[in-house]
PDB file of all heavy atoms in Angstrom:
ATOM      1  N   PHE A   1      73.203 -98.551 -22.603  1.00  0.00           N
ATOM      2  CA  PHE A   1      74.307 -98.650 -23.537  1.00  0.00           C
ATOM      3  C   PHE A   1      75.524 -98.202 -22.872  1.00  0.00           C
ATOM      4  O   PHE A   1      76.014 -97.012 -22.956  1.00  0.00           O
ATOM      5  CB  PHE A   1      74.120 -97.675 -24.730  1.00  0.00           C
ATOM      6  CG  PHE A   1      72.898 -98.041 -25.666  1.00  0.00           C
ATOM      7  CD1 PHE A   1      71.851 -97.172 -25.659  1.00  0.00           C
ATOM      8  CD2 PHE A   1      72.826 -99.196 -26.361  1.00  0.00           C
ATOM      9  CE1 PHE A   1      70.728 -97.585 -26.432  1.00  0.00           C
ATOM     10  CE2 PHE A   1      71.775 -99.606 -27.150  1.00  0.00           C
ATOM     11  CZ  PHE A   1      70.681 -98.704 -27.156  1.00  0.00           C
ATOM     12  N   THR A   2      76.131 -99.099 -22.026  1.00  0.00           N
ATOM     13  CA  THR A   2      77.139 -98.713 -20.990  1.00  0.00           C
ATOM     14  C   THR A   2      78.464 -98.403 -21.806  1.00  0.00           C
ATOM     15  O   THR A   2      79.194 -97.548 -21.329  1.00  0.00           O
ATOM     16  CB  THR A   2      77.287 -99.779 -20.053  1.00  0.00           C
ATOM     17  OG1 THR A   2      77.625-101.116 -20.730  1.00  0.00           O
ATOM     18  CG2 THR A   2      76.083 -99.908 -19.129  1.00  0.00           C
ATOM     19  N   GLY A   3      78.733 -99.139 -22.865  1.00  0.00           N
ATOM     20  CA  GLY A   3      79.916 -98.843 -23.571  1.00  0.00           C
ATOM     21  C   GLY A   3      79.992 -97.367 -24.194  1.00  0.00           C
ATOM     22  O   GLY A   3      80.942 -96.660 -24.108  1.00  0.00           O
ATOM     23  N   ILE A   4      78.894 -97.068 -24.829  1.00  0.00           N
ATOM     24  CA  ILE A   4      78.737 -95.719 -25.395  1.00  0.00           C
ATOM     25  C   ILE A   4      78.749 -94.624 -24.199  1.00  0.00           C
ATOM     26  O   ILE A   4      79.300 -93.534 -24.369  1.00  0.00           O
ATOM     27  CB  ILE A   4      77.412 -95.510 -26.205  1.00  0.00           C
ATOM     28  CG1 ILE A   4      77.611 -96.568 -27.432  1.00  0.00           C
ATOM     29  CG2 ILE A   4      77.184 -94.160 -26.557  1.00  0.00           C
ATOM     30  CD1 ILE A   4      76.204 -96.626 -28.227  1.00  0.00           C
ATOM     31  N   ALA A   5      78.109 -94.981 -23.144  1.00  0.00           N
ATOM     32  CA  ALA A   5      78.015 -93.876 -22.067  1.00  0.00           C
ATOM     33  C   ALA A   5      79.354 -93.793 -21.484  1.00  0.00           C
ATOM     34  O   ALA A   5      79.844 -92.620 -21.149  1.00  0.00           O
ATOM     35  CB  ALA A   5      77.111 -94.627 -20.947  1.00  0.00           C
ATOM     36  N   SER A   6      80.165 -94.780 -21.230  1.00  0.00           N
ATOM     37  CA  SER A   6      81.556 -94.677 -20.750  1.00  0.00           C
ATOM     38  C   SER A   6      82.423 -93.906 -21.794  1.00  0.00           C
ATOM     39  O   SER A   6      83.265 -93.070 -21.249  1.00  0.00           O
ATOM     40  CB  SER A   6      82.169 -96.012 -20.236  1.00  0.00           C
ATOM     41  OG  SER A   6      82.332 -96.743 -21.433  1.00  0.00           O
ATOM     42  N   GLY A   7      82.272 -94.186 -22.940  1.00  0.00           N
ATOM     43  CA  GLY A   7      83.037 -93.526 -24.031  1.00  0.00           C
ATOM     44  C   GLY A   7      82.699 -91.944 -24.052  1.00  0.00           C
ATOM     45  O   GLY A   7      83.568 -91.028 -24.044  1.00  0.00           O
ATOM     46  N   ALA A   8      81.428 -91.662 -23.970  1.00  0.00           N
ATOM     47  CA  ALA A   8      80.986 -90.305 -24.128  1.00  0.00           C
ATOM     48  C   ALA A   8      81.404 -89.579 -22.764  1.00  0.00           C
ATOM     49  O   ALA A   8      81.731 -88.339 -22.881  1.00  0.00           O
ATOM     50  CB  ALA A   8      79.585 -90.160 -24.191  1.00  0.00           C
ATOM     51  N   ALA A   9      81.396 -90.233 -21.623  1.00  0.00           N
ATOM     52  CA  ALA A   9      81.823 -89.630 -20.420  1.00  0.00           C
ATOM     53  C   ALA A   9      83.299 -89.268 -20.455  1.00  0.00           C
ATOM     54  O   ALA A   9      83.772 -88.243 -19.786  1.00  0.00           O
ATOM     55  CB  ALA A   9      81.454 -90.552 -19.278  1.00  0.00           C
ATOM     56  N   ALA A  10      84.132 -90.170 -21.037  1.00  0.00           N
ATOM     57  CA  ALA A  10      85.486 -90.052 -20.999  1.00  0.00           C
ATOM     58  C   ALA A  10      85.823 -88.737 -21.900  1.00  0.00           C
ATOM     59  O   ALA A  10      86.653 -87.991 -21.550  1.00  0.00           O
ATOM     60  CB  ALA A  10      86.179 -91.191 -21.595  1.00  0.00           C
ATOM     61  N   ILE A  11      85.105 -88.669 -23.123  1.00  0.00           N
ATOM     62  CA  ILE A  11      85.438 -87.553 -23.901  1.00  0.00           C
ATOM     63  C   ILE A  11      84.986 -86.333 -23.235  1.00  0.00           C
ATOM     64  O   ILE A  11      85.736 -85.277 -23.383  1.00  0.00           O
ATOM     65  CB  ILE A  11      84.539 -87.745 -25.190  1.00  0.00           C
ATOM     66  CG1 ILE A  11      85.219 -89.007 -26.078  1.00  0.00           C
ATOM     67  CG2 ILE A  11      84.599 -86.502 -26.038  1.00  0.00           C
ATOM     68  CD1 ILE A  11      84.335 -89.363 -27.211  1.00  0.00           C
ATOM     69  N   ALA A  12      83.827 -86.317 -22.474  1.00  0.00           N
ATOM     70  CA  ALA A  12      83.443 -85.102 -21.856  1.00  0.00           C
ATOM     71  C   ALA A  12      84.379 -84.642 -20.805  1.00  0.00           C
ATOM     72  O   ALA A  12      84.704 -83.483 -20.609  1.00  0.00           O
ATOM     73  CB  ALA A  12      82.019 -85.313 -21.231  1.00  0.00           C
ATOM     74  N   GLN A  13      84.915 -85.668 -20.000  1.00  0.00           N
ATOM     75  CA  GLN A  13      85.923 -85.435 -19.020  1.00  0.00           C
ATOM     76  C   GLN A  13      87.219 -84.779 -19.604  1.00  0.00           C
ATOM     77  O   GLN A  13      87.699 -83.840 -19.082  1.00  0.00           O
ATOM     78  CB  GLN A  13      86.283 -86.612 -18.215  1.00  0.00           C
ATOM     79  CG  GLN A  13      87.102 -86.428 -17.118  1.00  0.00           C
ATOM     80  CD  GLN A  13      87.290 -87.753 -16.317  1.00  0.00           C
ATOM     81  OE1 GLN A  13      86.949 -88.872 -16.807  1.00  0.00           O
ATOM     82  NE2 GLN A  13      87.911 -87.726 -15.052  1.00  0.00           N
ATOM     83  N   VAL A  14      87.676 -85.284 -20.776  1.00  0.00           N
ATOM     84  CA  VAL A  14      88.891 -84.774 -21.347  1.00  0.00           C
ATOM     85  C   VAL A  14      88.570 -83.332 -21.799  1.00  0.00           C
ATOM     86  O   VAL A  14      89.428 -82.412 -21.614  1.00  0.00           O
ATOM     87  CB  VAL A  14      89.365 -85.680 -22.544  1.00  0.00           C
ATOM     88  CG1 VAL A  14      90.426 -84.987 -23.433  1.00  0.00           C
ATOM     89  CG2 VAL A  14      89.824 -86.951 -22.005  1.00  0.00           C
ATOM     90  N   LEU A  15      87.491 -83.062 -22.469  1.00  0.00           N
ATOM     91  CA  LEU A  15      87.120 -81.708 -22.921  1.00  0.00           C
ATOM     92  C   LEU A  15      86.974 -80.722 -21.811  1.00  0.00           C
ATOM     93  O   LEU A  15      87.469 -79.496 -21.891  1.00  0.00           O
ATOM     94  CB  LEU A  15      85.900 -81.766 -23.834  1.00  0.00           C
ATOM     95  CG  LEU A  15      86.052 -82.515 -25.152  1.00  0.00           C
ATOM     96  CD1 LEU A  15      84.612 -82.545 -25.825  1.00  0.00           C
ATOM     97  CD2 LEU A  15      87.044 -81.783 -26.058  1.00  0.00           C
ATOM     98  N   PHE A  16      86.388 -81.280 -20.697  1.00  0.00           N
ATOM     99  CA  PHE A  16      86.375 -80.391 -19.525  1.00  0.00           C
ATOM    100  C   PHE A  16      87.700 -79.956 -19.164  1.00  0.00           C
ATOM    101  O   PHE A  16      88.001 -78.777 -18.717  1.00  0.00           O
ATOM    102  CB  PHE A  16      85.578 -80.937 -18.496  1.00  0.00           C
ATOM    103  CG  PHE A  16      85.349 -80.176 -17.180  1.00  0.00           C
ATOM    104  CD1 PHE A  16      84.560 -79.057 -17.309  1.00  0.00           C
ATOM    105  CD2 PHE A  16      85.933 -80.536 -16.050  1.00  0.00           C
ATOM    106  CE1 PHE A  16      84.414 -78.392 -16.091  1.00  0.00           C
ATOM    107  CE2 PHE A  16      85.876 -79.877 -14.950  1.00  0.00           C
ATOM    108  CZ  PHE A  16      85.034 -78.729 -14.960  1.00  0.00           C
ATOM    109  N   TYR A  17      88.603 -80.972 -18.825  1.00  0.00           N
ATOM    110  CA  TYR A  17      89.876 -80.641 -18.423  1.00  0.00           C
ATOM    111  C   TYR A  17      90.726 -79.750 -19.279  1.00  0.00           C
ATOM    112  O   TYR A  17      91.428 -78.777 -18.923  1.00  0.00           O
ATOM    113  CB  TYR A  17      90.820 -81.781 -18.039  1.00  0.00           C
ATOM    114  CG  TYR A  17      90.192 -82.599 -16.868  1.00  0.00           C
ATOM    115  CD1 TYR A  17      90.015 -83.994 -16.766  1.00  0.00           C
ATOM    116  CD2 TYR A  17      89.863 -81.862 -15.700  1.00  0.00           C
ATOM    117  CE1 TYR A  17      89.572 -84.558 -15.676  1.00  0.00           C
ATOM    118  CE2 TYR A  17      89.355 -82.568 -14.369  1.00  0.00           C
ATOM    119  CZ  TYR A  17      89.265 -83.847 -14.596  1.00  0.00           C
ATOM    120  OH  TYR A  17      88.794 -84.566 -13.385  1.00  0.00           O
ATOM    121  N   ILE A  18      90.563 -79.903 -20.536  1.00  0.00           N
ATOM    122  CA  ILE A  18      91.244 -78.902 -21.587  1.00  0.00           C
ATOM    123  C   ILE A  18      90.796 -77.519 -21.501  1.00  0.00           C
ATOM    124  O   ILE A  18      91.414 -76.606 -21.388  1.00  0.00           O
ATOM    125  CB  ILE A  18      91.060 -79.434 -23.071  1.00  0.00           C
ATOM    126  CG1 ILE A  18      91.901 -80.836 -23.177  1.00  0.00           C
ATOM    127  CG2 ILE A  18      91.554 -78.542 -24.008  1.00  0.00           C
ATOM    128  CD1 ILE A  18      91.661 -81.621 -24.460  1.00  0.00           C
ATOM    129  N   ALA A  19      89.341 -77.417 -21.187  1.00  0.00           N
ATOM    130  CA  ALA A  19      88.840 -76.089 -21.158  1.00  0.00           C
ATOM    131  C   ALA A  19      89.183 -75.471 -19.789  1.00  0.00           C
ATOM    132  O   ALA A  19      89.572 -74.146 -19.822  1.00  0.00           O
ATOM    133  CB  ALA A  19      87.259 -76.218 -21.159  1.00  0.00           C
ATOM    134  N   ILE A  20      89.430 -76.169 -18.866  1.00  0.00           N
ATOM    135  CA  ILE A  20      90.002 -75.682 -17.531  1.00  0.00           C
ATOM    136  C   ILE A  20      91.376 -75.239 -17.609  1.00  0.00           C
ATOM    137  O   ILE A  20      91.783 -74.074 -17.177  1.00  0.00           O
ATOM    138  CB  ILE A  20      89.730 -76.659 -16.186  1.00  0.00           C
ATOM    139  CG1 ILE A  20      88.306 -76.892 -15.969  1.00  0.00           C
ATOM    140  CG2 ILE A  20      90.505 -76.257 -15.110  1.00  0.00           C
ATOM    141  CD1 ILE A  20      87.554 -75.774 -15.506  1.00  0.00           C
ATOM    142  N   VAL A  21      92.244 -76.022 -18.318  1.00  0.00           N
ATOM    143  CA  VAL A  21      93.533 -75.686 -18.433  1.00  0.00           C
ATOM    144  C   VAL A  21      93.695 -74.355 -19.288  1.00  0.00           C
ATOM    145  O   VAL A  21      94.368 -73.454 -19.073  1.00  0.00           O
ATOM    146  CB  VAL A  21      94.353 -76.819 -19.079  1.00  0.00           C
ATOM    147  CG1 VAL A  21      95.719 -76.319 -19.697  1.00  0.00           C
ATOM    148  CG2 VAL A  21      94.568 -77.866 -18.111  1.00  0.00           C
ATOM    149  N   LEU A  22      92.974 -74.318 -20.463  1.00  0.00           N
ATOM    150  CA  LEU A  22      93.020 -73.082 -21.418  1.00  0.00           C
ATOM    151  C   LEU A  22      92.555 -71.819 -20.589  1.00  0.00           C
ATOM    152  O   LEU A  22      93.052 -70.761 -20.758  1.00  0.00           O
ATOM    153  CB  LEU A  22      92.129 -73.331 -22.483  1.00  0.00           C
ATOM    154  CG  LEU A  22      92.698 -74.398 -23.581  1.00  0.00           C
ATOM    155  CD1 LEU A  22      91.689 -74.558 -24.658  1.00  0.00           C
ATOM    156  CD2 LEU A  22      94.053 -73.744 -24.173  1.00  0.00           C
ATOM    157  N   PHE A  23      91.418 -72.000 -19.728  1.00  0.00           N
ATOM    158  CA  PHE A  23      90.978 -71.018 -18.890  1.00  0.00           C
ATOM    159  C   PHE A  23      92.013 -70.369 -17.948  1.00  0.00           C
ATOM    160  O   PHE A  23      92.404 -69.254 -17.928  1.00  0.00           O
ATOM    161  CB  PHE A  23      89.785 -71.386 -18.045  1.00  0.00           C
ATOM    162  CG  PHE A  23      89.394 -70.276 -17.018  1.00  0.00           C
ATOM    163  CD1 PHE A  23      88.716 -69.113 -17.429  1.00  0.00           C
ATOM    164  CD2 PHE A  23      89.675 -70.596 -15.668  1.00  0.00           C
ATOM    165  CE1 PHE A  23      88.455 -68.148 -16.481  1.00  0.00           C
ATOM    166  CE2 PHE A  23      89.308 -69.568 -14.755  1.00  0.00           C
ATOM    167  CZ  PHE A  23      88.667 -68.429 -15.132  1.00  0.00           C
ATOM    168  N   LEU A  24      92.753 -71.314 -17.274  1.00  0.00           N
ATOM    169  CA  LEU A  24      93.899 -70.816 -16.393  1.00  0.00           C
ATOM    170  C   LEU A  24      95.028 -70.172 -17.090  1.00  0.00           C
ATOM    171  O   LEU A  24      95.574 -69.190 -16.670  1.00  0.00           O
ATOM    172  CB  LEU A  24      94.305 -72.056 -15.587  1.00  0.00           C
ATOM    173  CG  LEU A  24      93.373 -72.627 -14.540  1.00  0.00           C
ATOM    174  CD1 LEU A  24      93.833 -73.830 -13.959  1.00  0.00           C
ATOM    175  CD2 LEU A  24      92.935 -71.624 -13.502  1.00  0.00           C
ATOM    176  N   ILE A  25      95.395 -70.820 -18.281  1.00  0.00           N
ATOM    177  CA  ILE A  25      96.462 -70.177 -19.142  1.00  0.00           C
ATOM    178  C   ILE A  25      96.183 -68.678 -19.483  1.00  0.00           C
ATOM    179  O   ILE A  25      96.806 -67.744 -19.389  1.00  0.00           O
ATOM    180  CB  ILE A  25      96.812 -70.919 -20.354  1.00  0.00           C
ATOM    181  CG1 ILE A  25      97.375 -72.266 -19.899  1.00  0.00           C
ATOM    182  CG2 ILE A  25      97.722 -70.228 -21.295  1.00  0.00           C
ATOM    183  CD1 ILE A  25      97.641 -73.324 -20.997  1.00  0.00           C
ATOM    184  N   PHE A  26      94.836 -68.540 -19.950  1.00  0.00           N
ATOM    185  CA  PHE A  26      94.372 -67.203 -20.371  1.00  0.00           C
ATOM    186  C   PHE A  26      94.291 -66.255 -19.236  1.00  0.00           C
ATOM    187  O   PHE A  26      94.497 -65.020 -19.455  1.00  0.00           O
ATOM    188  CB  PHE A  26      93.126 -67.229 -21.298  1.00  0.00           C
ATOM    189  CG  PHE A  26      93.414 -67.788 -22.607  1.00  0.00           C
ATOM    190  CD1 PHE A  26      92.691 -68.905 -23.113  1.00  0.00           C
ATOM    191  CD2 PHE A  26      94.350 -67.091 -23.555  1.00  0.00           C
ATOM    192  CE1 PHE A  26      93.000 -69.402 -24.405  1.00  0.00           C
ATOM    193  CE2 PHE A  26      94.604 -67.671 -24.771  1.00  0.00           C
ATOM    194  CZ  PHE A  26      93.881 -68.792 -25.249  1.00  0.00           C
ATOM    195  N   LEU A  27      93.802 -66.743 -18.063  1.00  0.00           N
ATOM    196  CA  LEU A  27      93.760 -66.050 -16.924  1.00  0.00           C
ATOM    197  C   LEU A  27      95.113 -65.474 -16.493  1.00  0.00           C
ATOM    198  O   LEU A  27      95.275 -64.276 -16.154  1.00  0.00           O
ATOM    199  CB  LEU A  27      93.065 -66.703 -15.791  1.00  0.00           C
ATOM    200  CG  LEU A  27      92.993 -66.039 -14.456  1.00  0.00           C
ATOM    201  CD1 LEU A  27      91.917 -64.960 -14.649  1.00  0.00           C
ATOM    202  CD2 LEU A  27      92.510 -67.008 -13.342  1.00  0.00           C
ATOM    203  N   VAL A  28      96.098 -66.347 -16.473  1.00  0.00           N
ATOM    204  CA  VAL A  28      97.440 -65.846 -16.113  1.00  0.00           C
ATOM    205  C   VAL A  28      98.027 -64.975 -17.143  1.00  0.00           C
ATOM    206  O   VAL A  28      98.535 -63.826 -16.789  1.00  0.00           O
ATOM    207  CB  VAL A  28      98.293 -67.216 -15.948  1.00  0.00           C
ATOM    208  CG1 VAL A  28      99.849 -66.689 -15.860  1.00  0.00           C
ATOM    209  CG2 VAL A  28      97.978 -67.893 -14.741  1.00  0.00           C
ATOM    210  N   LEU A  29      97.817 -65.252 -18.433  1.00  0.00           N
ATOM    211  CA  LEU A  29      98.305 -64.266 -19.432  1.00  0.00           C
ATOM    212  C   LEU A  29      97.587 -62.820 -19.264  1.00  0.00           C
ATOM    213  O   LEU A  29      98.156 -61.819 -19.535  1.00  0.00           O
ATOM    214  CB  LEU A  29      98.120 -64.905 -20.870  1.00  0.00           C
ATOM    215  CG  LEU A  29      98.987 -66.015 -21.192  1.00  0.00           C
ATOM    216  CD1 LEU A  29      98.533 -66.491 -22.454  1.00  0.00           C
ATOM    217  CD2 LEU A  29     100.374 -65.528 -21.343  1.00  0.00           C
ATOM    218  N   GLY A  30      96.308 -62.960 -18.974  1.00  0.00           N
ATOM    219  CA  GLY A  30      95.605 -61.684 -18.914  1.00  0.00           C
ATOM    220  C   GLY A  30      95.976 -60.773 -17.659  1.00  0.00           C
ATOM    221  O   GLY A  30      95.951 -59.676 -17.770  1.00  0.00           O
ATOM    222  N   LEU A  31      96.376 -61.503 -16.681  1.00  0.00           N
ATOM    223  CA  LEU A  31      96.783 -60.775 -15.558  1.00  0.00           C
ATOM    224  C   LEU A  31      98.306 -60.306 -15.521  1.00  0.00           C
ATOM    225  O   LEU A  31      98.596 -59.405 -14.780  1.00  0.00           O
ATOM    226  CB  LEU A  31      96.527 -61.685 -14.267  1.00  0.00           C
ATOM    227  CG  LEU A  31      95.078 -61.970 -13.926  1.00  0.00           C
ATOM    228  CD1 LEU A  31      95.058 -62.895 -12.767  1.00  0.00           C
ATOM    229  CD2 LEU A  31      94.442 -60.623 -13.551  1.00  0.00           C
ATOM    230  N   THR A  32      99.061 -61.002 -16.402  1.00  0.00           N
ATOM    231  CA  THR A  32     100.475 -60.612 -16.347  1.00  0.00           C
ATOM    232  C   THR A  32     100.890 -59.936 -17.716  1.00  0.00           C
ATOM    233  O   THR A  32     101.150 -58.882 -17.762  1.00  0.00           O
ATOM    234  CB  THR A  32     101.364 -61.836 -16.107  1.00  0.00           C
ATOM    235  OG1 THR A  32     101.051 -62.829 -17.077  1.00  0.00           O
ATOM    236  CG2 THR A  32     101.067 -62.489 -14.825  1.00  0.00           C
ATOM    237  N   VAL A  33     101.006 -60.804 -18.744  1.00  0.00           N
ATOM    238  CA  VAL A  33     101.668 -60.299 -19.909  1.00  0.00           C
ATOM    239  C   VAL A  33     100.985 -59.198 -20.655  1.00  0.00           C
ATOM    240  O   VAL A  33     101.492 -58.175 -20.983  1.00  0.00           O
ATOM    241  CB  VAL A  33     101.692 -61.507 -20.909  1.00  0.00           C
ATOM    242  CG1 VAL A  33     102.290 -61.066 -22.343  1.00  0.00           C
ATOM    243  CG2 VAL A  33     102.571 -62.639 -20.324  1.00  0.00           C
TER     244      VAL A  33
END
């Protein structure tokens, strides 16, 4: 099911990048503010 596979992979990639960005934001806030 290549269509479903590519859609799920795209969603997983977006969620992963959002999690990384949130981690970096909270890391900077935790170290500074």
